[in-house]
Amino acid sequence: MLRICCVIGGLLLAMLCGCGRAEVEVAPVSGTVTMGGKPLPEALLRFCPEGGGRSAQGITDKDGNCTLAYTNHQNGARVGKTKVLITTGPLEDTSRRKETVPKKYNDASELIVDVEPKSNVINFDLEAKK
């Protein structure tokens, strides 16, 4: 009897563990960032889902190319409408940042993209500061 109770308890526990947090849909995202028609190297891109939740980010290479990471082990970004922030300095510490990207792309970002449930290539051609 005790053995049956343990088996039933184990099955119930396994079922409950399977009903934990819901998985979110993440899709691959890569692209190129240019400013004034030239590659923007060492820029930080952050994709912040409009519905909240974990953001994805990446840093451009010398040619302005970037692949986003959702976690340390998963590339991509959450599927859906996403606000995009692009900066050449840390987003959190604006007082110490020497920013070359206009505020409309970072602190007051106007960039909204739709990450689709497929492999996404999203390019940004930013207007340089005037």
Protein backbone atom coordinates (compact mmCIF):
# COMPACT_ATOMS: atom_id res chain seq x y z
CA MET A 1 0.00 0.00 0.00
CA LEU A 2 2.81 2.38 0.91
CA ARG A 3 4.50 1.59 -2.39
CA ILE A 4 1.34 2.46 -4.36
CA CYS A 5 0.99 5.75 -2.46
CA CYS A 6 4.61 6.63 -3.27
CA VAL A 7 4.10 5.85 -6.96
CA ILE A 8 0.89 7.92 -7.11
CA GLY A 9 2.58 10.75 -5.21
CA GLY A 10 5.53 10.68 -7.59
CA LEU A 11 3.23 10.79 -10.62
CA LEU A 12 1.30 13.74 -9.17
CA LEU A 13 4.54 15.57 -8.43
CA ALA A 14 5.78 14.96 -11.98
CA MET A 15 2.52 16.28 -13.41
CA LEU A 16 2.67 19.40 -11.25
CA CYS A 17 6.28 20.11 -12.25
CA GLY A 18 5.23 19.96 -15.89
CA CYS A 19 2.64 22.66 -15.23
CA GLY A 20 5.18 25.23 -14.07
CA ARG A 21 6.01 28.46 -15.85
CA ALA A 22 4.77 28.87 -19.37
CA GLU A 23 7.39 28.86 -22.09
CA VAL A 24 7.62 31.98 -24.25
CA GLU A 25 8.04 31.90 -28.00
CA VAL A 26 11.49 33.08 -29.08
CA ALA A 27 12.63 33.50 -32.69
CA PRO A 28 16.10 34.12 -34.15
CA VAL A 29 16.91 37.81 -34.82
CA SER A 30 19.92 39.22 -36.63
CA GLY A 31 20.59 42.32 -38.66
CA THR A 32 22.82 45.27 -39.41
CA VAL A 33 22.91 48.73 -37.86
CA THR A 34 24.14 51.70 -39.87
CA MET A 35 24.12 55.39 -39.05
CA GLY A 36 24.34 57.90 -41.86
CA GLY A 37 24.85 54.96 -44.22
CA LYS A 38 27.98 53.70 -42.40
CA PRO A 39 28.24 50.60 -40.15
CA LEU A 40 27.77 51.36 -36.44
CA PRO A 41 30.31 49.20 -34.55
CA GLU A 42 30.14 48.39 -30.82
CA ALA A 43 26.49 49.47 -30.51
CA LEU A 44 24.22 47.79 -27.98
CA LEU A 45 20.78 46.72 -29.22
CA ARG A 46 18.09 45.86 -26.71
CA PHE A 47 14.70 44.46 -27.75
CA CYS A 48 12.12 45.10 -24.97
CA PRO A 49 8.80 43.26 -25.48
CA GLU A 50 5.78 45.60 -25.28
CA GLY A 51 3.96 43.07 -23.12
CA GLY A 52 6.82 42.98 -20.62
CA GLY A 53 9.19 40.15 -19.83
CA ARG A 54 12.83 39.41 -20.55
CA SER A 55 14.55 41.61 -23.11
CA ALA A 56 17.03 40.36 -25.71
CA GLN A 57 20.24 42.10 -26.61
CA GLY A 58 23.35 42.02 -28.72
CA ILE A 59 26.37 44.11 -29.68
CA THR A 60 27.28 45.01 -33.25
CA ASP A 61 30.62 43.98 -34.73
CA LYS A 62 32.93 46.26 -36.75
CA ASP A 63 30.63 45.89 -39.79
CA GLY A 64 27.48 46.74 -37.81
CA ASN A 65 26.21 43.13 -37.78
CA CYS A 66 24.47 41.74 -34.73
CA THR A 67 22.76 38.56 -33.52
CA LEU A 68 20.49 38.91 -30.49
CA ALA A 69 20.71 36.69 -27.42
CA TYR A 70 17.63 35.97 -25.29
CA THR A 71 19.58 34.05 -22.63
CA ASN A 72 23.15 32.83 -22.33
CA HIS A 73 22.06 29.60 -24.03
CA GLN A 74 19.39 30.82 -26.47
CA ASN A 75 19.71 33.29 -29.33
CA GLY A 76 16.76 35.37 -30.50
CA ALA A 77 14.05 37.60 -29.06
CA ARG A 78 10.46 37.17 -27.86
CA VAL A 79 7.91 37.00 -30.66
CA GLY A 80 5.63 40.04 -30.88
CA LYS A 81 5.80 43.83 -30.86
CA THR A 82 9.07 45.05 -29.38
CA LYS A 83 10.56 48.44 -28.56
CA VAL A 84 14.17 48.69 -29.74
CA LEU A 85 16.87 50.69 -27.97
CA ILE A 86 20.22 51.32 -29.70
CA THR A 87 23.11 52.98 -27.90
CA THR A 88 26.88 53.27 -28.03
CA GLY A 89 27.08 53.45 -24.24
CA PRO A 90 25.45 51.76 -21.25
CA LEU A 91 21.67 52.20 -21.21
CA GLU A 92 21.51 52.30 -17.41
CA ASP A 93 24.00 55.11 -16.75
CA THR A 94 23.12 58.01 -19.02
CA SER A 95 25.12 60.53 -16.97
CA ARG A 96 28.48 58.91 -17.83
CA ARG A 97 27.66 58.00 -21.41
CA LYS A 98 29.14 59.81 -24.41
CA GLU A 99 26.38 58.95 -26.85
CA THR A 100 26.79 59.16 -30.62
CA VAL A 101 23.28 57.84 -31.37
CA PRO A 102 20.34 60.30 -31.21
CA LYS A 103 17.96 59.91 -28.22
CA LYS A 104 15.07 58.91 -30.50
CA TYR A 105 16.85 55.55 -30.87
CA ASN A 106 17.69 54.95 -27.19
CA ASP A 107 16.48 57.00 -24.18
CA ALA A 108 13.36 58.16 -26.08
CA SER A 109 13.26 55.35 -28.62
CA GLU A 110 10.66 55.53 -31.37
CA LEU A 111 11.73 52.18 -32.85
CA ILE A 112 9.05 49.47 -32.73
CA VAL A 113 9.47 46.19 -34.63
CA ASP A 114 7.42 43.03 -34.88
CA VAL A 115 9.45 39.89 -34.19
CA GLU A 116 7.79 37.11 -36.19
CA PRO A 117 7.79 33.38 -35.34
CA LYS A 118 10.47 32.67 -37.94
CA SER A 119 14.07 33.67 -38.59
CA ASN A 120 14.09 37.50 -38.59
CA VAL A 121 16.55 39.84 -40.30
CA ILE A 122 15.91 43.36 -39.01
CA ASN A 123 18.16 46.16 -40.24
CA PHE A 124 18.33 49.70 -38.87
CA ASP A 125 19.63 52.72 -40.81
CA LEU A 126 19.75 55.49 -38.23
CA GLU A 127 19.91 59.20 -38.98
CA ALA A 128 23.05 60.76 -37.54
CA LYS A 129 22.89 63.57 -34.99
CA LYS A 130 22.53 66.99 -36.59
